C-alpha atoms as a PDB file:
ATOM      1  CA  UNK A   1    -106.515-178.049  77.651  1.00  0.00           C
ATOM      2  CA  UNK A   2    -109.673-177.330  79.579  1.00  0.00           C
ATOM      3  CA  UNK A   3    -110.021-174.721  82.329  1.00  0.00           C
ATOM      4  CA  UNK A   4    -111.147-176.184  85.642  1.00  0.00           C
ATOM      5  CA  UNK A   5    -114.092-175.110  87.793  1.00  0.00           C
ATOM      6  CA  UNK A   6    -113.604-171.472  88.712  1.00  0.00           C
ATOM      7  CA  UNK A   7    -110.786-171.115  86.176  1.00  0.00           C
ATOM      8  CA  UNK A   8    -108.162-172.265  88.664  1.00  0.00           C
ATOM      9  CA  UNK A   9    -105.547-174.601  87.208  1.00  0.00           C
ATOM     10  CA  UNK A  10    -105.364-176.467  83.938  1.00  0.00           C
ATOM     11  CA  UNK A  11    -106.574-179.959  83.241  1.00  0.00           C
ATOM     12  CA  UNK A  12    -104.988-182.080  80.527  1.00  0.00           C
ATOM     13  CA  UNK A  13    -105.407-185.747  79.628  1.00  0.00           C
ATOM     14  CA  UNK A  14    -102.696-187.983  81.063  1.00  0.00           C
ATOM     15  CA  UNK A  15    -100.592-189.106  78.052  1.00  0.00           C
ATOM     16  CA  UNK A  16    -100.923-192.827  78.825  1.00  0.00           C
ATOM     17  CA  UNK A  17    -104.385-193.161  80.392  1.00  0.00           C
ATOM     18  CA  UNK A  18    -106.264-190.190  78.896  1.00  0.00           C
ATOM     19  CA  UNK A  19    -107.608-189.529  82.404  1.00  0.00           C
ATOM     20  CA  UNK A  20    -107.666-185.866  83.442  1.00  0.00           C
ATOM     21  CA  UNK A  21    -104.548-184.627  85.210  1.00  0.00           C
ATOM     22  CA  UNK A  22    -104.280-181.181  86.768  1.00  0.00           C
ATOM     23  CA  UNK A  23    -100.798-179.676  86.423  1.00  0.00           C
ATOM     24  CA  UNK A  24     -99.018-177.512  89.020  1.00  0.00           C
ATOM     25  CA  UNK A  25     -95.532-176.129  88.399  1.00  0.00           C
ATOM     26  CA  UNK A  26     -92.864-175.637  91.070  1.00  0.00           C
ATOM     27  CA  UNK A  27     -90.982-172.443  90.253  1.00  0.00           C
ATOM     28  CA  UNK A  28     -87.705-170.669  90.960  1.00  0.00           C
ATOM     29  CA  UNK A  29     -89.811-167.994  92.663  1.00  0.00           C
ATOM     30  CA  UNK A  30     -90.524-170.485  95.503  1.00  0.00           C
ATOM     31  CA  UNK A  31     -94.152-170.791  94.460  1.00  0.00           C
ATOM     32  CA  UNK A  32     -96.567-173.443  93.312  1.00  0.00           C
ATOM     33  CA  UNK A  33     -98.259-172.226  90.109  1.00  0.00           C
ATOM     34  CA  UNK A  34    -101.143-172.113  90.343  1.00  0.00           C
ATOM     35  CA  UNK A  35    -101.111-171.814  94.117  1.00  0.00           C
ATOM     36  CA  UNK A  36    -104.672-173.156  94.362  1.00  0.00           C
ATOM     37  CA  UNK A  37    -106.382-175.769  92.210  1.00  0.00           C
ATOM     38  CA  UNK A  38    -110.001-176.895  92.382  1.00  0.00           C
ATOM     39  CA  UNK A  39    -110.716-180.446  91.229  1.00  0.00           C
ATOM     40  CA  UNK A  40    -113.311-183.210  91.491  1.00  0.00           C
ATOM     41  CA  UNK A  41    -112.686-186.254  93.701  1.00  0.00           C
ATOM     42  CA  UNK A  42    -110.754-188.925  91.815  1.00  0.00           C
ATOM     43  CA  UNK A  43    -108.641-186.414  89.881  1.00  0.00           C
ATOM     44  CA  UNK A  44    -104.851-186.692  89.778  1.00  0.00           C
ATOM     45  CA  UNK A  45    -102.622-183.662  90.277  1.00  0.00           C
ATOM     46  CA  UNK A  46     -99.177-183.710  88.677  1.00  0.00           C
ATOM     47  CA  UNK A  47     -96.521-181.380  90.051  1.00  0.00           C
ATOM     48  CA  UNK A  48     -93.690-180.508  87.660  1.00  0.00           C
ATOM     49  CA  UNK A  49     -90.470-179.041  88.963  1.00  0.00           C
ATOM     50  CA  UNK A  50     -89.708-176.386  86.359  1.00  0.00           C
ATOM     51  CA  UNK A  51     -87.082-174.712  88.554  1.00  0.00           C
ATOM     52  CA  UNK A  52     -83.417-175.465  89.110  1.00  0.00           C
ATOM     53  CA  UNK A  53     -84.052-175.939  92.850  1.00  0.00           C
ATOM     54  CA  UNK A  54     -84.967-179.118  94.720  1.00  0.00           C
ATOM     55  CA  UNK A  55     -88.576-179.017  95.955  1.00  0.00           C
ATOM     56  CA  UNK A  56     -91.034-181.345  97.700  1.00  0.00           C
ATOM     57  CA  UNK A  57     -94.789-181.689  97.708  1.00  0.00           C
ATOM     58  CA  UNK A  58     -95.582-182.501 101.317  1.00  0.00           C
ATOM     59  CA  UNK A  59     -98.919-182.857 103.100  1.00  0.00           C
ATOM     60  CA  UNK A  60     -97.712-184.588 106.240  1.00  0.00           C
ATOM     61  CA  UNK A  61     -98.131-182.844 109.606  1.00  0.00           C
ATOM     62  CA  UNK A  62     -95.277-184.923 111.064  1.00  0.00           C
ATOM     63  CA  UNK A  63     -92.854-183.306 108.581  1.00  0.00           C
ATOM     64  CA  UNK A  64     -94.012-179.699 109.042  1.00  0.00           C
ATOM     65  CA  UNK A  65     -92.396-177.252 111.433  1.00  0.00           C
ATOM     66  CA  UNK A  66     -95.332-174.832 111.111  1.00  0.00           C
ATOM     67  CA  UNK A  67     -98.855-176.059 111.864  1.00  0.00           C
ATOM     68  CA  UNK A  68    -100.351-173.858 109.131  1.00  0.00           C
ATOM     69  CA  UNK A  69     -98.242-175.584 106.455  1.00  0.00           C
ATOM     70  CA  UNK A  70    -100.513-178.653 106.348  1.00  0.00           C
ATOM     71  CA  UNK A  71    -104.246-179.235 106.304  1.00  0.00           C
ATOM     72  CA  UNK A  72    -105.933-182.521 105.449  1.00  0.00           C
ATOM     73  CA  UNK A  73    -109.638-183.362 105.326  1.00  0.00           C
ATOM     74  CA  UNK A  74    -110.854-185.952 107.802  1.00  0.00           C
ATOM     75  CA  UNK A  75    -110.102-189.425 106.452  1.00  0.00           C
ATOM     76  CA  UNK A  76    -107.395-188.274 104.009  1.00  0.00           C
ATOM     77  CA  UNK A  77    -103.925-189.807 104.169  1.00  0.00           C
ATOM     78  CA  UNK A  78    -100.790-187.690 104.258  1.00  0.00           C
ATOM     79  CA  UNK A  79     -98.369-187.740 101.325  1.00  0.00           C
ATOM     80  CA  UNK A  80     -94.830-186.624 100.530  1.00  0.00           C
ATOM     81  CA  UNK A  81     -93.021-186.621  97.194  1.00  0.00           C
ATOM     82  CA  UNK A  82     -89.521-186.730  98.600  1.00  0.00           C
ATOM     83  CA  UNK A  83     -86.939-184.481  96.935  1.00  0.00           C
ATOM     84  CA  UNK A  84     -87.760-183.551  93.339  1.00  0.00           C
ATOM     85  CA  UNK A  85     -84.823-182.414  91.253  1.00  0.00           C
ATOM     86  CA  UNK A  86     -85.249-180.140  88.234  1.00  0.00           C
ATOM     87  CA  UNK A  87     -87.655-181.584  85.627  1.00  0.00           C
ATOM     88  CA  UNK A  88     -88.917-184.278  88.020  1.00  0.00           C
ATOM     89  CA  UNK A  89     -92.634-184.892  88.509  1.00  0.00           C
ATOM     90  CA  UNK A  90     -94.872-186.238  91.261  1.00  0.00           C
ATOM     91  CA  UNK A  91     -98.506-187.369  91.022  1.00  0.00           C
ATOM     92  CA  UNK A  92    -101.172-187.818  93.668  1.00  0.00           C
ATOM     93  CA  UNK A  93    -104.821-188.786  93.178  1.00  0.00           C
ATOM     94  CA  UNK A  94    -107.286-187.078  95.508  1.00  0.00           C
ATOM     95  CA  UNK A  95    -110.220-189.286  96.502  1.00  0.00           C
ATOM     96  CA  UNK A  96    -111.378-187.617  99.736  1.00  0.00           C
ATOM     97  CA  UNK A  97    -113.258-184.320  99.248  1.00  0.00           C
ATOM     98  CA  UNK A  98    -112.100-181.301 101.245  1.00  0.00           C
ATOM     99  CA  UNK A  99    -109.258-178.795 101.406  1.00  0.00           C
ATOM    100  CA  UNK A 100    -105.629-179.899 101.363  1.00  0.00           C
ATOM    101  CA  UNK A 101    -102.812-177.495 102.223  1.00  0.00           C
ATOM    102  CA  UNK A 102     -99.323-178.720 101.330  1.00  0.00           C
ATOM    103  CA  UNK A 103     -95.832-177.247 101.383  1.00  0.00           C
ATOM    104  CA  UNK A 104     -92.230-177.602 100.201  1.00  0.00           C
ATOM    105  CA  UNK A 105     -89.946-178.861 103.001  1.00  0.00           C
ATOM    106  CA  UNK A 106     -86.795-176.933 101.933  1.00  0.00           C
ATOM    107  CA  UNK A 107     -88.816-173.731 101.469  1.00  0.00           C
ATOM    108  CA  UNK A 108     -91.368-173.965 104.282  1.00  0.00           C
ATOM    109  CA  UNK A 109     -89.830-170.899 105.970  1.00  0.00           C
ATOM    110  CA  UNK A 110     -90.377-168.962 102.723  1.00  0.00           C
ATOM    111  CA  UNK A 111     -94.083-169.923 102.924  1.00  0.00           C
ATOM    112  CA  UNK A 112     -93.998-172.075  99.779  1.00  0.00           C
ATOM    113  CA  UNK A 113     -97.477-173.551 100.125  1.00  0.00           C
ATOM    114  CA  UNK A 114    -100.241-174.710  97.858  1.00  0.00           C
ATOM    115  CA  UNK A 115    -103.876-175.688  98.185  1.00  0.00           C
ATOM    116  CA  UNK A 116    -105.973-178.363  96.513  1.00  0.00           C
ATOM    117  CA  UNK A 117    -109.730-178.043  96.921  1.00  0.00           C
ATOM    118  CA  UNK A 118    -111.391-181.372  96.172  1.00  0.00           C
ATOM    119  CA  UNK A 119    -115.098-181.268  95.428  1.00  0.00           C
ATOM    120  CA  UNK A 120    -117.281-184.367  95.695  1.00  0.00           C
ATOM    121  CA  UNK A 121    -118.458-186.088  92.553  1.00  0.00           C
ATOM    122  CA  UNK A 122    -122.005-184.983  91.830  1.00  0.00           C
ATOM    123  CA  UNK A 123    -124.209-187.715  90.467  1.00  0.00           C
END
């Protein structure tokens, strides 16, 4: 495993493609761990539900009841995992640089939110 820029999050090769995947766990404490990850454009984030509760990974303003639950960079498309039972996973590849704020629909009132900071690819 390799620490990401700024030491936020962990990056591991995807078992089938060997491409880097950043892992975020969904916990019984109603938190995304880590809460913030910093990645390069083109990186995939994999959320793993390690709790016994159903969670979602949602970055869709139409599904939020609180405006501060979602933030998308200009040109980025919204996404939603749907309900993730225990041990389920969801992946999303981030191509548009900027800051993404996402939330868990069942636990939005508990402020279960996460942030993905996507940095442009430097050539």
